[in-house]
Structures are given as C-alpha cells and as structure tokens.
C-alpha cells in the first residue's frame, strides 16, 4: 500500500511539474528583486546576484527589479515572471529556502522543492540552499514559446481576481462614476484613498474614477471592472489596458 502511495505521489508530482513547465515556457523574462524580505541589505550574501545568474544560465532574460527594462517589457510587465527567495519552515537546525515564480498579478506559477544547508556560516548556507532549491528549475527543459492564448488567459485572471474581492457597500459623500478615467490629460491630478480592498481613486471634484484592487506584487494593482493594471515604475504611475490588444501605457498623476 505504501509503495502504491509513493508511486501515486511521484506521478502527481511529475504531472504538476509538466503543467508548470508548459506555463513557464510562455515567459521570456524573469525579474529578480534586489533585496529579499528576510535579509537586511540589498544583494546580501550576493544571493540576488546568484539567483539572477542561475535564471540567466537556464535561458531566461533576467533583470533586477531596479534595472532598466527593454521597451516591450516596459509596455507589458505581464511578459515577465517575478522570482523570489523565501525562508522555508523547519529551519531550526538548518537553513531552508524556497524559490517562487509569480506572474504580474501575483499568482504563483511555480514553487521549487525546499533547498537546505546545515553549514554554520550564513553566506555559505544560503548559497548552498538557493542552489539546491534551483535544482527543481534546472531539471526543466525550458524553451521560450510565446503563447497566442496569453491575452485571453490574463483576462480570465483579472475577472477571477475581481470576483473574489468583496467590497462592502458603504454610503459616502464621494459618489462613484461610470465615466472612464481621464488618462489623456497630464494636468489631471488624482487622489488615492485607502480602502480594505486597496484604493479608490478620485479626482478634484471629488468623483470616483476607478478602484484599485491589491495584488501580491509590489506597486501593481488591478483596475476593477477593466482589463487593466496600474503600476509604478521609476517613481511614475502608469495605466496599462489590454482588451485583446495591448494599448500604450498612460502616465497617471496619482497622489497616495
């Protein structure tokens, strides 16, 4: 019985890995943060540089999140996966880490097997643990294959994210408007008001022009009821919409 269970688990593991690999192959870029949350400094122990190096060796076009991106990636961050290294549970007598890959909406696409090390020196331990965790990606037969269905899949992700967000209906002096965001005017200053689901954005009237839904990605928001995101880059906020055809991102003047 135990042998059958082991075989079943192995079969399911191989199946899930194959599905994840097919999805990962749709991405050309990987963005690595210059600082991990569990460490105190940027590129501490050179772990961020190591992570970027490993993904480059695997064939991905890889950047730090503070680097200058190519034009196509600036226009559409959804062409990239966002890598992260996290401390794993059970590290009392060992250093343990996982490597995760998420899409631009914060959906986890892949999580490696936990890498571990019992070395006492922190730098050596983290380097060894990261390399061991990356072996889950190393065994994949990665080859970039652009997906023609990616736009449709991204629309589904947006709709699903909007559906699961429960926004409490409260009376307010600020009345919602059905008008679209005036993103063409550079003189329009918008103001973000914090809400449980994220932010509501109003103009000087005040009038609600859109609602921003939180994601797990830093400075990236879904726009409620639209196939669009609002994101921050180089201290500027941008509005990017995709209704089957990706439009040029528009600069927004939002005060948070």
C-alpha atoms as a PDB file:
ATOM      1  CA  UNK A   1       0.000   0.000   0.000  1.00  0.00           C
ATOM      2  CA  UNK A   2       2.808   2.374   0.949  1.00  0.00           C
ATOM      3  CA  UNK A   3       4.597   1.604  -2.347  1.00  0.00           C
ATOM      4  CA  UNK A   4       1.447   2.396  -4.365  1.00  0.00           C
ATOM      5  CA  UNK A   5       1.022   5.670  -2.471  1.00  0.00           C
ATOM      6  CA  UNK A   6       4.632   6.646  -3.188  1.00  0.00           C
ATOM      7  CA  UNK A   7       4.181   5.904  -6.895  1.00  0.00           C
ATOM      8  CA  UNK A   8       0.950   7.965  -6.967  1.00  0.00           C
ATOM      9  CA  UNK A   9       2.612  10.947  -5.291  1.00  0.00           C
ATOM     10  CA  UNK A  10       5.551  10.732  -7.703  1.00  0.00           C
ATOM     11  CA  UNK A  11       3.141  10.551 -10.673  1.00  0.00           C
ATOM     12  CA  UNK A  12       1.184  13.591  -9.481  1.00  0.00           C
ATOM     13  CA  UNK A  13       4.404  15.498  -8.807  1.00  0.00           C
ATOM     14  CA  UNK A  14       5.656  14.818 -12.336  1.00  0.00           C
ATOM     15  CA  UNK A  15       2.274  15.847 -13.733  1.00  0.00           C
ATOM     16  CA  UNK A  16       2.189  19.147 -11.856  1.00  0.00           C
ATOM     17  CA  UNK A  17       5.796  19.889 -12.860  1.00  0.00           C
ATOM     18  CA  UNK A  18       4.936  19.270 -16.522  1.00  0.00           C
ATOM     19  CA  UNK A  19       1.959  21.658 -16.312  1.00  0.00           C
ATOM     20  CA  UNK A  20       4.076  24.310 -14.584  1.00  0.00           C
ATOM     21  CA  UNK A  21       6.860  23.915 -17.145  1.00  0.00           C
ATOM     22  CA  UNK A  22       4.428  24.414 -20.031  1.00  0.00           C
ATOM     23  CA  UNK A  23       3.237  27.642 -18.420  1.00  0.00           C
ATOM     24  CA  UNK A  24       6.778  28.809 -17.599  1.00  0.00           C
ATOM     25  CA  UNK A  25       7.803  28.282 -21.223  1.00  0.00           C
ATOM     26  CA  UNK A  26       5.381  31.078 -22.167  1.00  0.00           C
ATOM     27  CA  UNK A  27       7.595  33.613 -20.399  1.00  0.00           C
ATOM     28  CA  UNK A  28      10.735  35.179 -21.798  1.00  0.00           C
ATOM     29  CA  UNK A  29      11.719  37.358 -18.839  1.00  0.00           C
ATOM     30  CA  UNK A  30      12.369  36.851 -15.127  1.00  0.00           C
ATOM     31  CA  UNK A  31      12.598  39.815 -12.745  1.00  0.00           C
ATOM     32  CA  UNK A  32      14.593  39.304  -9.540  1.00  0.00           C
ATOM     33  CA  UNK A  33      14.284  41.715  -6.587  1.00  0.00           C
ATOM     34  CA  UNK A  34      17.481  43.404  -5.493  1.00  0.00           C
ATOM     35  CA  UNK A  35      16.528  42.736  -1.852  1.00  0.00           C
ATOM     36  CA  UNK A  36      14.832  39.745  -0.241  1.00  0.00           C
ATOM     37  CA  UNK A  37      12.425  40.407   2.629  1.00  0.00           C
ATOM     38  CA  UNK A  38      14.166  38.042   5.063  1.00  0.00           C
ATOM     39  CA  UNK A  39      17.520  39.856   4.687  1.00  0.00           C
ATOM     40  CA  UNK A  40      18.538  43.319   5.854  1.00  0.00           C
ATOM     41  CA  UNK A  41      20.536  44.579   2.874  1.00  0.00           C
ATOM     42  CA  UNK A  42      20.305  44.670  -0.895  1.00  0.00           C
ATOM     43  CA  UNK A  43      22.028  41.703  -2.515  1.00  0.00           C
ATOM     44  CA  UNK A  44      23.148  40.448   0.896  1.00  0.00           C
ATOM     45  CA  UNK A  45      25.457  37.420   0.621  1.00  0.00           C
ATOM     46  CA  UNK A  46      25.213  38.066  -3.160  1.00  0.00           C
ATOM     47  CA  UNK A  47      22.067  35.897  -3.132  1.00  0.00           C
ATOM     48  CA  UNK A  48      20.150  38.145  -5.527  1.00  0.00           C
ATOM     49  CA  UNK A  49      23.049  38.132  -7.974  1.00  0.00           C
ATOM     50  CA  UNK A  50      23.251  34.352  -7.642  1.00  0.00           C
ATOM     51  CA  UNK A  51      19.516  33.984  -8.358  1.00  0.00           C
ATOM     52  CA  UNK A  52      19.745  36.191 -11.437  1.00  0.00           C
ATOM     53  CA  UNK A  53      22.801  34.251 -12.643  1.00  0.00           C
ATOM     54  CA  UNK A  54      21.041  30.895 -12.272  1.00  0.00           C
ATOM     55  CA  UNK A  55      17.994  32.043 -14.258  1.00  0.00           C
ATOM     56  CA  UNK A  56      20.253  33.508 -16.963  1.00  0.00           C
ATOM     57  CA  UNK A  57      22.093  30.197 -17.224  1.00  0.00           C
ATOM     58  CA  UNK A  58      18.743  28.472 -17.653  1.00  0.00           C
ATOM     59  CA  UNK A  59      17.982  30.649 -20.684  1.00  0.00           C
ATOM     60  CA  UNK A  60      15.737  33.365 -19.262  1.00  0.00           C
ATOM     61  CA  UNK A  61      16.341  37.049 -19.994  1.00  0.00           C
ATOM     62  CA  UNK A  62      16.768  38.210 -16.414  1.00  0.00           C
ATOM     63  CA  UNK A  63      16.814  41.639 -14.755  1.00  0.00           C
ATOM     64  CA  UNK A  64      16.931  43.094 -11.280  1.00  0.00           C
ATOM     65  CA  UNK A  65      13.738  44.990 -10.417  1.00  0.00           C
ATOM     66  CA  UNK A  66      15.728  48.251 -10.273  1.00  0.00           C
ATOM     67  CA  UNK A  67      17.351  47.824 -13.698  1.00  0.00           C
ATOM     68  CA  UNK A  68      16.335  49.452 -16.975  1.00  0.00           C
ATOM     69  CA  UNK A  69      13.975  47.111 -18.851  1.00  0.00           C
ATOM     70  CA  UNK A  70      13.645  46.663 -22.628  1.00  0.00           C
ATOM     71  CA  UNK A  71      10.790  48.520 -24.327  1.00  0.00           C
ATOM     72  CA  UNK A  72       8.490  45.506 -24.724  1.00  0.00           C
ATOM     73  CA  UNK A  73       8.781  44.719 -21.013  1.00  0.00           C
ATOM     74  CA  UNK A  74       8.170  48.354 -20.061  1.00  0.00           C
ATOM     75  CA  UNK A  75       4.971  48.246 -22.096  1.00  0.00           C
ATOM     76  CA  UNK A  76       3.779  44.950 -20.659  1.00  0.00           C
ATOM     77  CA  UNK A  77       5.116  43.642 -17.340  1.00  0.00           C
ATOM     78  CA  UNK A  78       2.962  40.554 -17.807  1.00  0.00           C
ATOM     79  CA  UNK A  79       5.609  39.218 -20.181  1.00  0.00           C
ATOM     80  CA  UNK A  80       7.767  38.513 -17.117  1.00  0.00           C
ATOM     81  CA  UNK A  81       7.759  36.162 -14.164  1.00  0.00           C
ATOM     82  CA  UNK A  82       8.697  37.627 -10.783  1.00  0.00           C
ATOM     83  CA  UNK A  83      11.166  35.484  -8.838  1.00  0.00           C
ATOM     84  CA  UNK A  84      11.595  35.485  -5.083  1.00  0.00           C
ATOM     85  CA  UNK A  85      13.523  33.557  -2.447  1.00  0.00           C
ATOM     86  CA  UNK A  86      11.695  32.845   0.815  1.00  0.00           C
ATOM     87  CA  UNK A  87      12.741  31.341   4.111  1.00  0.00           C
ATOM     88  CA  UNK A  88      11.093  27.925   4.437  1.00  0.00           C
ATOM     89  CA  UNK A  89       9.611  26.455   7.608  1.00  0.00           C
ATOM     90  CA  UNK A  90      11.505  23.992   9.739  1.00  0.00           C
ATOM     91  CA  UNK A  91      14.844  25.750   9.637  1.00  0.00           C
ATOM     92  CA  UNK A  92      15.714  25.377  13.318  1.00  0.00           C
ATOM     93  CA  UNK A  93      18.895  23.396  12.723  1.00  0.00           C
ATOM     94  CA  UNK A  94      19.270  24.123   9.024  1.00  0.00           C
ATOM     95  CA  UNK A  95      18.944  26.992   6.567  1.00  0.00           C
ATOM     96  CA  UNK A  96      15.965  26.303   4.286  1.00  0.00           C
ATOM     97  CA  UNK A  97      14.637  28.329   1.350  1.00  0.00           C
ATOM     98  CA  UNK A  98      12.083  28.091  -1.458  1.00  0.00           C
ATOM     99  CA  UNK A  99      12.222  29.873  -4.816  1.00  0.00           C
ATOM    100  CA  UNK A 100       8.893  31.074  -6.174  1.00  0.00           C
ATOM    101  CA  UNK A 101       7.816  32.375  -9.567  1.00  0.00           C
ATOM    102  CA  UNK A 102       4.710  34.576  -9.819  1.00  0.00           C
ATOM    103  CA  UNK A 103       3.011  36.317 -12.724  1.00  0.00           C
ATOM    104  CA  UNK A 104       2.267  40.050 -12.897  1.00  0.00           C
ATOM    105  CA  UNK A 105      -0.985  39.567 -10.972  1.00  0.00           C
ATOM    106  CA  UNK A 106       0.713  37.856  -8.056  1.00  0.00           C
ATOM    107  CA  UNK A 107      -0.483  34.347  -8.997  1.00  0.00           C
ATOM    108  CA  UNK A 108       2.078  31.721  -8.028  1.00  0.00           C
ATOM    109  CA  UNK A 109       3.122  29.837 -11.155  1.00  0.00           C
ATOM    110  CA  UNK A 110       5.795  27.618  -9.611  1.00  0.00           C
ATOM    111  CA  UNK A 111       7.406  26.860  -6.246  1.00  0.00           C
ATOM    112  CA  UNK A 112      10.583  24.819  -6.006  1.00  0.00           C
ATOM    113  CA  UNK A 113      11.315  21.996  -3.644  1.00  0.00           C
ATOM    114  CA  UNK A 114      12.890  23.343  -0.458  1.00  0.00           C
ATOM    115  CA  UNK A 115      16.647  23.771  -0.594  1.00  0.00           C
ATOM    116  CA  UNK A 116      18.539  23.311   2.664  1.00  0.00           C
ATOM    117  CA  UNK A 117      22.005  23.552   4.162  1.00  0.00           C
ATOM    118  CA  UNK A 118      23.471  22.755   7.564  1.00  0.00           C
ATOM    119  CA  UNK A 119      26.531  24.949   7.168  1.00  0.00           C
ATOM    120  CA  UNK A 120      27.066  27.330  10.086  1.00  0.00           C
ATOM    121  CA  UNK A 121      28.306  30.263   8.016  1.00  0.00           C
ATOM    122  CA  UNK A 122      25.198  32.166   6.854  1.00  0.00           C
ATOM    123  CA  UNK A 123      26.605  33.150   3.476  1.00  0.00           C
ATOM    124  CA  UNK A 124      27.703  29.611   2.620  1.00  0.00           C
ATOM    125  CA  UNK A 125      24.449  28.158   3.958  1.00  0.00           C
ATOM    126  CA  UNK A 126      22.165  30.448   1.948  1.00  0.00           C
ATOM    127  CA  UNK A 127      24.196  29.993  -1.241  1.00  0.00           C
ATOM    128  CA  UNK A 128      24.043  26.212  -0.908  1.00  0.00           C
ATOM    129  CA  UNK A 129      20.298  26.258  -0.086  1.00  0.00           C
ATOM    130  CA  UNK A 130      19.458  28.509  -3.058  1.00  0.00           C
ATOM    131  CA  UNK A 131      21.440  26.320  -5.458  1.00  0.00           C
ATOM    132  CA  UNK A 132      19.714  23.205  -4.134  1.00  0.00           C
ATOM    133  CA  UNK A 133      16.263  24.820  -4.446  1.00  0.00           C
ATOM    134  CA  UNK A 134      17.037  25.936  -8.003  1.00  0.00           C
ATOM    135  CA  UNK A 135      17.689  22.321  -8.994  1.00  0.00           C
ATOM    136  CA  UNK A 136      13.870  21.985  -9.289  1.00  0.00           C
ATOM    137  CA  UNK A 137      14.041  24.526 -12.125  1.00  0.00           C
ATOM    138  CA  UNK A 138      17.323  23.202 -13.502  1.00  0.00           C
ATOM    139  CA  UNK A 139      15.734  19.840 -14.395  1.00  0.00           C
ATOM    140  CA  UNK A 140      13.076  21.571 -16.527  1.00  0.00           C
ATOM    141  CA  UNK A 141      13.519  21.587 -20.284  1.00  0.00           C
ATOM    142  CA  UNK A 142      12.894  25.331 -20.608  1.00  0.00           C
ATOM    143  CA  UNK A 143      12.441  26.821 -24.064  1.00  0.00           C
ATOM    144  CA  UNK A 144      10.657  30.127 -24.633  1.00  0.00           C
ATOM    145  CA  UNK A 145       7.420  29.592 -26.542  1.00  0.00           C
ATOM    146  CA  UNK A 146       5.184  32.692 -26.891  1.00  0.00           C
ATOM    147  CA  UNK A 147       1.580  31.817 -26.172  1.00  0.00           C
ATOM    148  CA  UNK A 148      -1.108  33.133 -28.513  1.00  0.00           C
ATOM    149  CA  UNK A 149      -3.668  32.480 -25.795  1.00  0.00           C
ATOM    150  CA  UNK A 150      -1.849  34.517 -23.148  1.00  0.00           C
ATOM    151  CA  UNK A 151      -4.024  37.633 -23.521  1.00  0.00           C
ATOM    152  CA  UNK A 152      -7.185  35.579 -23.055  1.00  0.00           C
ATOM    153  CA  UNK A 153      -5.700  33.845 -20.002  1.00  0.00           C
ATOM    154  CA  UNK A 154      -4.721  37.174 -18.441  1.00  0.00           C
ATOM    155  CA  UNK A 155      -8.300  38.447 -18.901  1.00  0.00           C
ATOM    156  CA  UNK A 156      -9.563  35.386 -17.017  1.00  0.00           C
ATOM    157  CA  UNK A 157      -7.102  36.065 -14.186  1.00  0.00           C
ATOM    158  CA  UNK A 158      -8.359  39.652 -13.902  1.00  0.00           C
ATOM    159  CA  UNK A 159     -12.018  38.599 -13.871  1.00  0.00           C
ATOM    160  CA  UNK A 160     -11.357  35.920 -11.251  1.00  0.00           C
ATOM    161  CA  UNK A 161      -9.457  38.353  -9.031  1.00  0.00           C
ATOM    162  CA  UNK A 162     -12.287  40.876  -9.247  1.00  0.00           C
ATOM    163  CA  UNK A 163     -14.910  38.218  -8.475  1.00  0.00           C
ATOM    164  CA  UNK A 164     -13.265  37.106  -5.234  1.00  0.00           C
ATOM    165  CA  UNK A 165     -12.801  40.636  -3.854  1.00  0.00           C
ATOM    166  CA  UNK A 166     -15.711  41.510  -1.576  1.00  0.00           C
ATOM    167  CA  UNK A 167     -16.190  45.269  -1.364  1.00  0.00           C
ATOM    168  CA  UNK A 168     -18.508  46.445   1.388  1.00  0.00           C
ATOM    169  CA  UNK A 169     -21.132  48.879   0.131  1.00  0.00           C
ATOM    170  CA  UNK A 170     -20.925  51.984   2.259  1.00  0.00           C
ATOM    171  CA  UNK A 171     -22.599  55.338   1.817  1.00  0.00           C
ATOM    172  CA  UNK A 172     -20.125  58.042   1.063  1.00  0.00           C
ATOM    173  CA  UNK A 173     -20.097  61.680   0.100  1.00  0.00           C
ATOM    174  CA  UNK A 174     -17.975  60.608  -2.852  1.00  0.00           C
ATOM    175  CA  UNK A 175     -20.329  59.111  -5.444  1.00  0.00           C
ATOM    176  CA  UNK A 176     -18.981  56.504  -7.897  1.00  0.00           C
ATOM    177  CA  UNK A 177     -18.944  57.479 -11.532  1.00  0.00           C
ATOM    178  CA  UNK A 178     -19.377  55.289 -14.592  1.00  0.00           C
ATOM    179  CA  UNK A 179     -17.160  57.584 -16.624  1.00  0.00           C
ATOM    180  CA  UNK A 180     -13.784  56.268 -17.754  1.00  0.00           C
ATOM    181  CA  UNK A 181     -10.528  57.506 -16.325  1.00  0.00           C
ATOM    182  CA  UNK A 182      -9.275  60.705 -17.937  1.00  0.00           C
ATOM    183  CA  UNK A 183      -5.785  59.383 -18.536  1.00  0.00           C
ATOM    184  CA  UNK A 184      -5.149  61.522 -21.591  1.00  0.00           C
ATOM    185  CA  UNK A 185      -4.846  64.740 -19.635  1.00  0.00           C
ATOM    186  CA  UNK A 186      -1.487  65.191 -17.948  1.00  0.00           C
ATOM    187  CA  UNK A 187      -2.934  68.072 -15.904  1.00  0.00           C
ATOM    188  CA  UNK A 188      -5.455  65.829 -14.116  1.00  0.00           C
ATOM    189  CA  UNK A 189      -4.297  65.076 -10.595  1.00  0.00           C
ATOM    190  CA  UNK A 190      -5.893  62.019  -8.990  1.00  0.00           C
ATOM    191  CA  UNK A 191      -6.022  61.123  -5.318  1.00  0.00           C
ATOM    192  CA  UNK A 192      -5.876  57.575  -3.900  1.00  0.00           C
ATOM    193  CA  UNK A 193      -7.998  56.868  -0.832  1.00  0.00           C
ATOM    194  CA  UNK A 194      -7.160  53.691   1.070  1.00  0.00           C
ATOM    195  CA  UNK A 195      -9.876  51.028   1.295  1.00  0.00           C
ATOM    196  CA  UNK A 196      -9.971  47.426   2.622  1.00  0.00           C
ATOM    197  CA  UNK A 197      -9.634  46.092  -0.936  1.00  0.00           C
ATOM    198  CA  UNK A 198      -6.927  48.565  -2.000  1.00  0.00           C
ATOM    199  CA  UNK A 199      -7.682  52.155  -3.069  1.00  0.00           C
ATOM    200  CA  UNK A 200     -10.413  54.201  -4.645  1.00  0.00           C
ATOM    201  CA  UNK A 201      -9.069  56.918  -6.920  1.00  0.00           C
ATOM    202  CA  UNK A 202     -10.873  60.246  -7.098  1.00  0.00           C
ATOM    203  CA  UNK A 203     -10.375  63.487  -8.970  1.00  0.00           C
ATOM    204  CA  UNK A 204     -10.609  67.007  -7.521  1.00  0.00           C
ATOM    205  CA  UNK A 205     -14.432  67.113  -7.817  1.00  0.00           C
ATOM    206  CA  UNK A 206     -14.280  64.669  -5.924  1.00  0.00           C
ATOM    207  CA  UNK A 207     -15.535  61.856  -8.136  1.00  0.00           C
ATOM    208  CA  UNK A 208     -14.503  58.196  -8.078  1.00  0.00           C
ATOM    209  CA  UNK A 209     -12.817  57.428 -11.390  1.00  0.00           C
ATOM    210  CA  UNK A 210     -11.577  53.908 -10.663  1.00  0.00           C
ATOM    211  CA  UNK A 211     -10.957  51.345  -7.933  1.00  0.00           C
ATOM    212  CA  UNK A 212      -7.574  49.664  -7.473  1.00  0.00           C
ATOM    213  CA  UNK A 213      -7.506  46.103  -6.135  1.00  0.00           C
ATOM    214  CA  UNK A 214      -4.494  44.871  -4.196  1.00  0.00           C
ATOM    215  CA  UNK A 215      -2.233  42.156  -5.639  1.00  0.00           C
ATOM    216  CA  UNK A 216       0.714  40.368  -4.067  1.00  0.00           C
ATOM    217  CA  UNK A 217       3.072  42.232  -6.426  1.00  0.00           C
ATOM    218  CA  UNK A 218       4.502  45.461  -5.018  1.00  0.00           C
ATOM    219  CA  UNK A 219       3.089  48.632  -6.598  1.00  0.00           C
ATOM    220  CA  UNK A 220       0.882  46.670  -9.021  1.00  0.00           C
ATOM    221  CA  UNK A 221      -2.929  46.979  -8.815  1.00  0.00           C
ATOM    222  CA  UNK A 222      -5.834  45.535 -10.782  1.00  0.00           C
ATOM    223  CA  UNK A 223      -8.369  48.082 -12.049  1.00  0.00           C
ATOM    224  CA  UNK A 224     -11.853  46.917 -11.031  1.00  0.00           C
ATOM    225  CA  UNK A 225     -14.239  46.206 -13.938  1.00  0.00           C
ATOM    226  CA  UNK A 226     -11.490  46.777 -16.510  1.00  0.00           C
ATOM    227  CA  UNK A 227      -8.865  44.545 -18.112  1.00  0.00           C
ATOM    228  CA  UNK A 228      -6.163  46.870 -16.895  1.00  0.00           C
ATOM    229  CA  UNK A 229      -3.485  47.329 -14.272  1.00  0.00           C
ATOM    230  CA  UNK A 230      -1.931  50.372 -12.605  1.00  0.00           C
ATOM    231  CA  UNK A 231       1.750  50.026 -11.740  1.00  0.00           C
ATOM    232  CA  UNK A 232       4.680  52.144 -10.577  1.00  0.00           C
ATOM    233  CA  UNK A 233       7.979  52.394 -12.408  1.00  0.00           C
ATOM    234  CA  UNK A 234      10.854  54.836 -11.870  1.00  0.00           C
ATOM    235  CA  UNK A 235       8.671  56.900  -9.480  1.00  0.00           C
ATOM    236  CA  UNK A 236       5.908  57.259 -12.095  1.00  0.00           C
ATOM    237  CA  UNK A 237       2.489  55.586 -12.132  1.00  0.00           C
ATOM    238  CA  UNK A 238       1.177  54.017 -15.343  1.00  0.00           C
ATOM    239  CA  UNK A 239      -2.186  52.737 -16.554  1.00  0.00           C
ATOM    240  CA  UNK A 240      -1.949  49.737 -18.910  1.00  0.00           C
ATOM    241  CA  UNK A 241      -5.059  48.241 -20.541  1.00  0.00           C
ATOM    242  CA  UNK A 242      -5.467  45.074 -22.591  1.00  0.00           C
ATOM    243  CA  UNK A 243      -8.800  44.328 -24.276  1.00  0.00           C
ATOM    244  CA  UNK A 244      -7.445  41.802 -26.735  1.00  0.00           C
ATOM    245  CA  UNK A 245      -4.967  44.396 -27.990  1.00  0.00           C
ATOM    246  CA  UNK A 246      -2.368  45.882 -25.679  1.00  0.00           C
ATOM    247  CA  UNK A 247      -2.546  49.653 -25.590  1.00  0.00           C
ATOM    248  CA  UNK A 248       0.293  52.074 -24.933  1.00  0.00           C
ATOM    249  CA  UNK A 249       0.658  52.668 -21.152  1.00  0.00           C
ATOM    250  CA  UNK A 250      -0.519  56.088 -19.986  1.00  0.00           C
ATOM    251  CA  UNK A 251       1.166  58.147 -17.304  1.00  0.00           C
ATOM    252  CA  UNK A 252      -1.010  58.951 -14.276  1.00  0.00           C
ATOM    253  CA  UNK A 253      -0.571  61.691 -11.699  1.00  0.00           C
ATOM    254  CA  UNK A 254      -1.793  59.913  -8.554  1.00  0.00           C
ATOM    255  CA  UNK A 255      -1.234  61.167  -5.026  1.00  0.00           C
ATOM    256  CA  UNK A 256      -1.164  58.317  -2.474  1.00  0.00           C
END
